[in-house]
Amino acid sequence: MGEFIDKAKGIVNEAIGKAKVVAGQKTESTDMIVDGAKQQAKGKAQKLSGAVKGALGDKI
C-alpha cells in the first residue's frame, strides 16, 4: 500500500514543482524556480521510493 501512496505523493510534488518553476520563470523569481526544482526532485525521489517498495513488497 505504501507503494501507491509514495507514487501519488511523488506525482503531486513533481506537478507542483513544475508549476513553481514555470511561475518563477514568468515572474523572474529565482527563489521560486529553485523551490520548484527542489520540489520536483523530492517528487522524483518519492516515486522512486514507491517503485522500490513495490518491487520489495513494502518491506523497507
Protein backbone atom coordinates (compact mmCIF):
# COMPACT_ATOMS: atom_id res chain seq x y z
CA MET A 1 0.00 0.00 0.00
CA GLY A 2 2.85 2.40 0.81
CA GLU A 3 3.99 1.99 -2.76
CA PHE A 4 0.92 3.73 -4.14
CA ILE A 5 0.99 6.48 -1.52
CA ASP A 6 4.61 7.31 -2.29
CA LYS A 7 3.98 7.30 -6.03
CA ALA A 8 0.92 9.55 -5.65
CA LYS A 9 2.79 12.00 -3.42
CA GLY A 10 5.63 11.98 -5.92
CA ILE A 11 3.36 12.81 -8.82
CA VAL A 12 1.77 15.67 -6.87
CA ASN A 13 5.11 17.09 -5.76
CA GLU A 14 6.50 16.92 -9.28
CA ALA A 15 3.47 18.73 -10.69
CA ILE A 16 3.55 21.45 -8.04
CA GLY A 17 7.29 21.83 -8.51
CA LYS A 18 6.89 22.19 -12.27
CA ALA A 19 4.21 24.84 -11.75
CA LYS A 20 6.51 26.75 -9.39
CA VAL A 21 9.35 26.62 -11.91
CA VAL A 22 7.11 27.96 -14.68
CA ALA A 23 5.69 30.68 -12.43
CA GLY A 24 9.19 31.60 -11.31
CA GLN A 25 10.36 31.86 -14.91
CA LYS A 26 7.44 34.11 -15.82
CA THR A 27 7.98 36.38 -12.81
CA GLU A 28 11.78 36.09 -12.99
CA SER A 29 11.86 34.85 -9.39
CA THR A 30 14.96 32.72 -8.91
CA ASP A 31 13.81 31.72 -5.42
CA MET A 32 10.60 30.26 -6.81
CA ILE A 33 12.50 28.47 -9.59
CA VAL A 34 14.85 26.90 -7.04
CA ASP A 35 11.97 25.93 -4.74
CA GLY A 36 10.17 24.36 -7.68
CA ALA A 37 13.24 22.40 -8.75
CA LYS A 38 13.68 21.12 -5.19
CA GLN A 39 10.05 20.04 -5.03
CA GLN A 40 10.35 18.27 -8.38
CA ALA A 41 13.41 16.39 -7.11
CA LYS A 42 11.51 15.44 -3.96
CA GLY A 43 8.68 14.11 -6.12
CA LYS A 44 11.04 12.04 -8.24
CA ALA A 45 12.58 10.58 -5.08
CA GLN A 46 9.13 9.72 -3.71
CA LYS A 47 8.17 8.00 -6.96
CA LEU A 48 11.41 6.03 -6.88
CA SER A 49 10.74 5.06 -3.28
CA GLY A 50 7.31 3.83 -4.29
CA ALA A 51 8.79 1.81 -7.12
CA VAL A 52 11.32 0.20 -4.78
CA LYS A 53 8.62 -0.58 -2.23
CA GLY A 54 6.57 -2.16 -4.98
CA ALA A 55 9.48 -4.33 -6.06
CA LEU A 56 10.29 -5.38 -2.50
CA GLY A 57 6.75 -5.67 -1.22
CA ASP A 58 6.72 -2.74 1.26
CA LYS A 59 9.42 -4.41 3.40
CA ILE A 60 11.62 -1.31 3.55
